Amino acid sequence: MHNHLGSRFRDFRQRVGLTQAQISRYLGVDQSYVSKFENGEREFSVDLLIKAAELFGCTLEDLANPNNENLPLPTAMRATEVQDEDLQV
């Protein structure tokens, strides 16, 4: 299950224009942890998934549901360049 979730996470992260480094800082985890999660080698806690979904502007269900391939993301996150300051908690 988490391999599918990791690839969905990667898709959402890329669609909003975030790097692994940026999302890892936002979530408070190491970049290698994000990489391993996206590749199906690690799992994220529900709390981390909820925090990421909030950043992506979707629900946890949207993030986990493979039938939502073309789910539109909020306009607010459609930036060409996201600065670290934009991700401050």
N, C-alpha and C. Protein backbone atom coordinates (compact mmCIF):
# COMPACT_ATOMS: atom_id res chain seq x y z
N MET A 1 0.82 -1.20 0.00
CA MET A 1 0.00 0.00 0.00
C MET A 1 0.86 1.25 0.00
N HIS A 2 1.92 1.31 0.84
CA HIS A 2 2.68 2.55 0.93
C HIS A 2 3.49 2.84 -0.32
N ASN A 3 3.77 1.82 -1.17
CA ASN A 3 4.46 2.09 -2.43
C ASN A 3 3.57 2.93 -3.33
N HIS A 4 2.29 2.57 -3.41
CA HIS A 4 1.32 3.36 -4.18
C HIS A 4 1.20 4.76 -3.58
N LEU A 5 1.10 4.83 -2.28
CA LEU A 5 0.96 6.11 -1.60
C LEU A 5 2.19 6.98 -1.82
N GLY A 6 3.36 6.37 -1.80
CA GLY A 6 4.59 7.11 -2.04
C GLY A 6 4.65 7.71 -3.43
N SER A 7 4.20 6.95 -4.42
CA SER A 7 4.21 7.49 -5.79
C SER A 7 3.16 8.58 -5.96
N ARG A 8 2.02 8.44 -5.29
CA ARG A 8 1.00 9.51 -5.31
C ARG A 8 1.55 10.76 -4.64
N PHE A 9 2.24 10.56 -3.52
CA PHE A 9 2.84 11.69 -2.81
C PHE A 9 3.82 12.42 -3.72
N ARG A 10 4.67 11.67 -4.42
CA ARG A 10 5.64 12.27 -5.34
C ARG A 10 4.93 13.08 -6.42
N ASP A 11 3.86 12.50 -6.97
CA ASP A 11 3.10 13.19 -8.01
C ASP A 11 2.54 14.51 -7.49
N PHE A 12 1.92 14.49 -6.33
CA PHE A 12 1.37 15.72 -5.76
C PHE A 12 2.49 16.72 -5.47
N ARG A 13 3.59 16.26 -4.91
CA ARG A 13 4.71 17.16 -4.59
C ARG A 13 5.23 17.84 -5.86
N GLN A 14 5.39 17.06 -6.91
CA GLN A 14 5.89 17.62 -8.17
C GLN A 14 4.88 18.56 -8.81
N ARG A 15 3.61 18.22 -8.71
CA ARG A 15 2.57 19.07 -9.30
C ARG A 15 2.49 20.44 -8.64
N VAL A 16 2.83 20.52 -7.36
CA VAL A 16 2.83 21.83 -6.70
C VAL A 16 4.19 22.50 -6.77
N GLY A 17 5.16 21.84 -7.40
CA GLY A 17 6.46 22.46 -7.64
C GLY A 17 7.42 22.45 -6.47
N LEU A 18 7.30 21.45 -5.59
CA LEU A 18 8.19 21.37 -4.44
C LEU A 18 9.26 20.31 -4.66
N THR A 19 10.44 20.58 -4.13
CA THR A 19 11.51 19.60 -4.16
C THR A 19 11.39 18.71 -2.93
N GLN A 20 12.12 17.60 -2.95
CA GLN A 20 12.16 16.75 -1.75
C GLN A 20 12.73 17.52 -0.57
N ALA A 21 13.72 18.35 -0.83
CA ALA A 21 14.34 19.12 0.26
C ALA A 21 13.32 20.07 0.88
N GLN A 22 12.53 20.74 0.07
CA GLN A 22 11.53 21.68 0.59
C GLN A 22 10.46 20.97 1.40
N ILE A 23 9.93 19.89 0.88
CA ILE A 23 8.87 19.18 1.61
C ILE A 23 9.41 18.54 2.87
N SER A 24 10.66 18.08 2.84
CA SER A 24 11.24 17.47 4.04
C SER A 24 11.41 18.51 5.14
N ARG A 25 11.83 19.73 4.78
CA ARG A 25 11.94 20.80 5.79
C ARG A 25 10.58 21.14 6.35
N TYR A 26 9.58 21.22 5.50
CA TYR A 26 8.22 21.54 5.94
C TYR A 26 7.70 20.47 6.90
N LEU A 27 7.97 19.22 6.59
CA LEU A 27 7.47 18.12 7.42
C LEU A 27 8.35 17.84 8.63
N GLY A 28 9.57 18.40 8.63
CA GLY A 28 10.48 18.19 9.75
C GLY A 28 11.14 16.82 9.74
N VAL A 29 11.39 16.30 8.54
CA VAL A 29 12.06 15.01 8.40
C VAL A 29 13.25 15.17 7.46
N ASP A 30 14.12 14.17 7.44
CA ASP A 30 15.28 14.19 6.56
C ASP A 30 14.85 13.96 5.11
N GLN A 31 15.57 14.56 4.18
CA GLN A 31 15.25 14.39 2.77
C GLN A 31 15.31 12.92 2.35
N SER A 32 16.23 12.16 2.91
CA SER A 32 16.33 10.74 2.55
C SER A 32 15.07 9.98 2.97
N TYR A 33 14.43 10.43 4.04
CA TYR A 33 13.18 9.81 4.50
C TYR A 33 12.08 10.01 3.46
N VAL A 34 12.01 11.23 2.91
CA VAL A 34 11.02 11.53 1.87
C VAL A 34 11.31 10.67 0.63
N SER A 35 12.58 10.60 0.25
CA SER A 35 12.96 9.80 -0.91
C SER A 35 12.58 8.34 -0.73
N LYS A 36 12.87 7.80 0.44
CA LYS A 36 12.54 6.40 0.71
C LYS A 36 11.03 6.17 0.74
N PHE A 37 10.29 7.14 1.25
CA PHE A 37 8.83 7.02 1.25
C PHE A 37 8.30 7.01 -0.18
N GLU A 38 8.79 7.93 -1.00
CA GLU A 38 8.33 8.01 -2.38
C GLU A 38 8.68 6.74 -3.17
N ASN A 39 9.74 6.07 -2.78
CA ASN A 39 10.16 4.84 -3.47
C ASN A 39 9.62 3.57 -2.81
N GLY A 40 8.75 3.72 -1.82
CA GLY A 40 8.12 2.57 -1.19
C GLY A 40 8.99 1.84 -0.19
N GLU A 41 10.07 2.47 0.27
CA GLU A 41 10.98 1.82 1.21
C GLU A 41 10.70 2.18 2.66
N ARG A 42 9.93 3.22 2.90
CA ARG A 42 9.58 3.67 4.25
C ARG A 42 8.11 4.05 4.27
N GLU A 43 7.58 4.19 5.47
CA GLU A 43 6.20 4.65 5.64
C GLU A 43 6.20 5.99 6.34
N PHE A 44 5.19 6.79 6.06
CA PHE A 44 4.96 8.05 6.76
C PHE A 44 3.90 7.81 7.81
N SER A 45 3.97 8.56 8.90
CA SER A 45 2.90 8.51 9.89
C SER A 45 1.68 9.21 9.31
N VAL A 46 0.54 8.92 9.89
CA VAL A 46 -0.70 9.58 9.45
C VAL A 46 -0.57 11.08 9.65
N ASP A 47 0.06 11.51 10.74
CA ASP A 47 0.23 12.94 11.00
C ASP A 47 1.02 13.62 9.88
N LEU A 48 2.10 12.98 9.41
CA LEU A 48 2.88 13.56 8.31
C LEU A 48 2.07 13.61 7.02
N LEU A 49 1.30 12.57 6.77
CA LEU A 49 0.47 12.55 5.56
C LEU A 49 -0.60 13.63 5.60
N ILE A 50 -1.19 13.84 6.75
CA ILE A 50 -2.20 14.90 6.89
C ILE A 50 -1.56 16.26 6.68
N LYS A 51 -0.40 16.48 7.26
CA LYS A 51 0.30 17.76 7.10
C LYS A 51 0.64 18.00 5.63
N ALA A 52 1.10 16.97 4.94
CA ALA A 52 1.42 17.10 3.52
C ALA A 52 0.16 17.37 2.70
N ALA A 53 -0.91 16.66 3.00
CA ALA A 53 -2.16 16.86 2.27
C ALA A 53 -2.66 18.28 2.44
N GLU A 54 -2.53 18.83 3.64
CA GLU A 54 -2.93 20.22 3.86
C GLU A 54 -2.10 21.17 3.00
N LEU A 55 -0.81 20.90 2.90
CA LEU A 55 0.06 21.73 2.06
C LEU A 55 -0.34 21.59 0.60
N PHE A 56 -0.67 20.39 0.17
CA PHE A 56 -1.06 20.15 -1.22
C PHE A 56 -2.46 20.67 -1.52
N GLY A 57 -3.23 20.99 -0.47
CA GLY A 57 -4.59 21.48 -0.67
C GLY A 57 -5.58 20.38 -1.02
N CYS A 58 -5.34 19.20 -0.47
CA CYS A 58 -6.23 18.07 -0.72
C CYS A 58 -6.49 17.35 0.59
N THR A 59 -7.32 16.35 0.54
CA THR A 59 -7.57 15.54 1.73
C THR A 59 -6.64 14.33 1.72
N LEU A 60 -6.56 13.67 2.84
CA LEU A 60 -5.79 12.43 2.92
C LEU A 60 -6.38 11.39 1.98
N GLU A 61 -7.69 11.37 1.87
CA GLU A 61 -8.36 10.44 0.96
C GLU A 61 -7.96 10.73 -0.49
N ASP A 62 -7.90 12.02 -0.86
CA ASP A 62 -7.47 12.38 -2.22
C ASP A 62 -6.06 11.88 -2.49
N LEU A 63 -5.20 12.02 -1.50
CA LEU A 63 -3.81 11.61 -1.65
C LEU A 63 -3.69 10.10 -1.82
N ALA A 64 -4.54 9.36 -1.13
CA ALA A 64 -4.45 7.90 -1.15
C ALA A 64 -5.25 7.24 -2.27
N ASN A 65 -6.17 7.96 -2.89
CA ASN A 65 -7.08 7.36 -3.86
C ASN A 65 -6.49 7.38 -5.27
N PRO A 66 -6.18 6.22 -5.84
CA PRO A 66 -5.60 6.18 -7.18
C PRO A 66 -6.58 6.57 -8.28
N ASN A 67 -7.86 6.64 -7.95
CA ASN A 67 -8.87 7.02 -8.95
C ASN A 67 -8.96 8.53 -9.15
N ASN A 68 -8.22 9.29 -8.37
CA ASN A 68 -8.21 10.74 -8.49
C ASN A 68 -6.98 11.21 -9.24
N GLU A 69 -6.67 10.60 -10.35
CA GLU A 69 -5.44 10.91 -11.09
C GLU A 69 -5.36 12.37 -11.53
N ASN A 70 -6.46 12.96 -11.92
CA ASN A 70 -6.45 14.32 -12.43
C ASN A 70 -7.08 15.30 -11.46
N LEU A 71 -6.93 15.03 -10.19
CA LEU A 71 -7.48 15.90 -9.17
C LEU A 71 -6.87 17.29 -9.30
N PRO A 72 -7.70 18.33 -9.49
CA PRO A 72 -7.13 19.67 -9.60
C PRO A 72 -6.62 20.14 -8.25
N LEU A 73 -5.46 20.76 -8.26
CA LEU A 73 -4.89 21.30 -7.03
C LEU A 73 -5.28 22.76 -6.92
N PRO A 74 -5.37 23.29 -5.70
CA PRO A 74 -5.76 24.68 -5.52
C PRO A 74 -4.81 25.63 -6.25
N THR A 75 -5.38 26.70 -6.75
CA THR A 75 -4.59 27.70 -7.47
C THR A 75 -3.49 28.28 -6.60
N ALA A 76 -3.71 28.37 -5.31
CA ALA A 76 -2.73 28.97 -4.42
C ALA A 76 -1.39 28.26 -4.46
N MET A 77 -1.37 26.97 -4.77
CA MET A 77 -0.12 26.24 -4.79
C MET A 77 0.46 26.10 -6.20
N ARG A 78 -0.17 26.69 -7.18
CA ARG A 78 0.33 26.61 -8.55
C ARG A 78 1.30 27.75 -8.80
N ALA A 79 2.42 27.68 -8.15
CA ALA A 79 3.45 28.70 -8.31
C ALA A 79 4.57 28.14 -9.16
N THR A 80 5.23 29.02 -9.88
CA THR A 80 6.35 28.54 -10.68
C THR A 80 7.58 28.32 -9.82
N GLU A 81 7.64 29.02 -8.71
CA GLU A 81 8.78 28.85 -7.81
C GLU A 81 8.32 29.05 -6.38
N VAL A 82 8.53 28.08 -5.54
CA VAL A 82 8.15 28.16 -4.14
C VAL A 82 9.42 28.37 -3.33
N GLN A 83 9.41 29.40 -2.53
CA GLN A 83 10.55 29.72 -1.68
C GLN A 83 10.39 29.02 -0.33
N ASP A 84 11.50 28.79 0.36
CA ASP A 84 11.44 28.16 1.68
C ASP A 84 10.57 28.97 2.63
N GLU A 85 10.59 30.30 2.50
CA GLU A 85 9.79 31.16 3.38
C GLU A 85 8.29 30.90 3.21
N ASP A 86 7.90 30.47 2.01
CA ASP A 86 6.50 30.17 1.75
C ASP A 86 6.03 28.94 2.52
N LEU A 87 6.96 28.12 2.96
CA LEU A 87 6.62 26.87 3.63
C LEU A 87 6.77 26.94 5.14
N GLN A 88 6.97 28.14 5.68
CA GLN A 88 7.14 28.27 7.12
C GLN A 88 5.87 27.86 7.83
N VAL A 89 6.04 27.12 8.90
CA VAL A 89 4.90 26.60 9.65
C VAL A 89 4.47 27.61 10.68
